[in-house]
Protein backbone atom coordinates (compact mmCIF):
# COMPACT_ATOMS: atom_id res chain seq x y z
CA MET A 1 -68.27 -43.93 -222.70
CA ARG A 2 -67.94 -46.22 -225.06
CA LEU A 3 -65.33 -48.49 -225.77
CA GLY A 4 -65.46 -52.22 -228.57
CA ARG A 5 -65.14 -53.18 -231.40
CA GLN A 6 -65.18 -49.55 -232.92
CA HIS A 7 -62.10 -48.21 -230.56
CA LEU A 8 -60.39 -51.57 -230.10
CA GLY A 9 -61.31 -53.80 -232.30
CA HIS A 10 -63.03 -56.06 -229.66
CA ALA A 11 -67.21 -56.57 -229.05
CA GLN A 12 -67.75 -54.82 -225.43
CA ALA A 13 -68.45 -57.49 -223.23
CA ARG A 14 -64.57 -58.21 -223.47
CA VAL A 15 -63.50 -54.63 -222.68
CA SER A 16 -65.90 -54.67 -220.07
CA ARG A 17 -64.72 -57.68 -218.64
CA LEU A 18 -60.76 -57.46 -219.32
CA LEU A 19 -61.59 -53.23 -217.43
CA LYS A 20 -63.38 -55.61 -214.50
CA GLN A 21 -60.31 -57.93 -214.29
CA THR A 22 -57.50 -54.61 -214.01
CA GLU A 23 -59.60 -53.04 -211.48
CA GLU A 24 -59.61 -55.69 -209.19
CA VAL A 25 -55.72 -56.64 -209.65
CA GLY A 26 -54.93 -52.50 -209.05
CA VAL A 27 -53.94 -51.60 -212.75
CA VAL A 28 -56.98 -49.13 -213.13
CA LYS A 29 -59.16 -47.74 -210.23
CA THR A 30 -62.43 -46.14 -209.80
CA THR A 31 -63.07 -43.04 -208.18
CA VAL A 32 -65.82 -40.62 -207.72
CA HIS A 33 -64.66 -37.11 -206.99
CA THR A 34 -68.56 -35.11 -204.81
CA PRO A 35 -68.88 -31.93 -206.95
CA PRO A 36 -69.46 -28.80 -205.61
CA GLY A 37 -72.13 -27.64 -202.93
CA VAL A 38 -72.80 -31.43 -202.43
CA PHE A 39 -72.64 -32.48 -198.71
CA VAL A 40 -73.12 -36.79 -198.66
CA GLU A 41 -71.14 -37.35 -195.49
CA ILE A 42 -72.70 -34.66 -193.65
CA GLU A 43 -76.50 -35.55 -195.05
CA GLU A 44 -75.42 -39.40 -193.95
CA ALA A 45 -74.51 -37.66 -190.79
CA LEU A 46 -77.69 -36.21 -189.68
CA GLU A 47 -80.03 -38.84 -191.64
CA HIS A 48 -77.84 -41.90 -188.64
CA LYS A 49 -77.92 -39.28 -185.87
CA PHE A 50 -81.77 -38.00 -185.98
CA GLY A 51 -83.39 -40.88 -187.52
CA LEU A 52 -84.02 -39.20 -190.59
CA ARG A 53 -85.41 -40.64 -194.06
CA GLU A 54 -83.49 -37.73 -196.26
CA VAL A 55 -81.26 -34.89 -195.84
CA VAL A 56 -80.01 -32.50 -197.96
CA VAL A 57 -77.68 -29.78 -196.59
CA GLU A 58 -77.60 -26.11 -198.20
CA ALA A 59 -74.62 -24.13 -198.24
CA SER A 60 -74.49 -20.45 -198.89
CA ASP A 61 -73.43 -16.99 -197.55
CA GLU A 62 -75.93 -15.24 -195.56
CA ALA A 63 -77.18 -13.26 -198.77
CA GLY A 64 -77.96 -16.10 -200.94
CA ILE A 65 -79.58 -18.80 -197.90
CA ILE A 66 -83.39 -18.43 -198.79
CA PRO A 67 -82.54 -18.89 -202.92
CA ALA A 68 -79.53 -21.38 -202.40
CA LEU A 69 -82.48 -23.25 -199.06
CA ALA A 70 -85.98 -22.52 -201.91
CA GLY A 71 -83.91 -24.26 -204.89
CA SER A 72 -83.03 -27.01 -202.61
CA ALA A 73 -86.61 -27.44 -201.19
CA SER A 74 -87.94 -27.35 -204.70
CA ALA A 75 -86.20 -29.44 -205.96
CA TYR A 76 -86.47 -32.13 -203.00
CA LEU A 77 -91.19 -31.17 -203.06
CA GLU A 78 -90.81 -31.99 -206.99
CA SER A 79 -89.09 -35.03 -206.79
CA ALA A 80 -91.11 -36.45 -202.94
CA LEU A 81 -94.15 -35.59 -204.38
CA VAL A 82 -95.11 -38.73 -206.41
CA GLY A 83 -98.60 -39.40 -206.03
CA ALA A 84 -101.84 -37.93 -204.10
CA GLU A 85 -100.13 -36.27 -201.47
CA ARG A 86 -101.34 -32.49 -200.21
CA VAL A 87 -99.06 -30.21 -198.62
CA GLY A 88 -99.79 -28.58 -195.49
CA VAL A 89 -98.23 -25.13 -194.84
CA SER A 90 -98.50 -23.75 -191.33
CA SER A 91 -97.07 -20.56 -191.66
CA TRP A 92 -95.83 -19.27 -195.07
CA SER A 93 -91.94 -17.73 -194.32
CA GLU A 94 -90.13 -16.35 -196.79
CA THR A 95 -88.61 -19.41 -197.51
CA LEU A 96 -91.75 -21.04 -197.80
CA LEU A 97 -93.17 -18.69 -200.65
CA ALA A 98 -89.56 -18.40 -201.97
CA THR A 99 -89.25 -22.16 -202.60
CA VAL A 100 -93.17 -22.83 -203.83
CA ASN A 101 -92.27 -19.74 -206.74
CA ALA A 102 -88.65 -21.99 -207.55
CA MET A 103 -91.19 -24.46 -207.99
CA ARG A 104 -91.85 -26.16 -212.04
CA PRO A 105 -95.23 -26.55 -212.99
CA VAL A 106 -95.87 -30.49 -212.48
CA HIS A 107 -98.52 -32.00 -213.97
CA LYS A 108 -98.73 -35.49 -212.07
CA SER A 109 -102.06 -37.54 -211.82
CA GLY A 110 -103.86 -37.64 -208.51
CA LEU A 111 -101.12 -34.14 -207.45
CA ARG A 112 -103.96 -31.17 -206.05
CA GLN A 113 -102.49 -28.73 -204.11
CA VAL A 114 -99.90 -26.82 -201.99
CA GLU A 115 -101.87 -24.84 -199.44
CA GLY A 116 -100.80 -22.73 -197.29
CA LEU A 117 -103.15 -23.04 -193.55
CA VAL A 118 -102.12 -20.31 -192.23
CA ASP A 119 -100.83 -16.04 -193.74
CA GLN A 120 -100.28 -13.42 -192.24
CA THR A 121 -101.39 -11.36 -195.22
CA GLY A 122 -104.59 -13.80 -195.38
CA PRO A 123 -105.37 -18.19 -196.32
CA ALA A 124 -102.54 -18.53 -199.36
CA LYS A 125 -103.58 -20.68 -201.50
CA VAL A 126 -101.24 -22.51 -204.64
CA HIS A 127 -102.40 -24.70 -207.00
């Protein structure tokens, strides 16, 4: 939200300073509401317990679990693959295939391919 000279007749810096002061004395309280489907506390607990760098928790009913996992996994991979990485997958499960299908085409320099090492129906490659 933009506050300042236009709405209150004060410069934005002054409004910002006043808001900070009101928060410090307890007049204003900032609250962050976690949206449904985001499980920050569980993810952080799993990261800490098992020494993991990042955990993504997904909730779904049994019928929708594969699309839900595929969506989360593809979003994670799209953000995690930033350089010249190569991803090797040792088995093409229904969930992994759904993950690849959920990925958007990405044209990042150095990213060459996602390649399946073993597939029940023969070698699988996604370029």
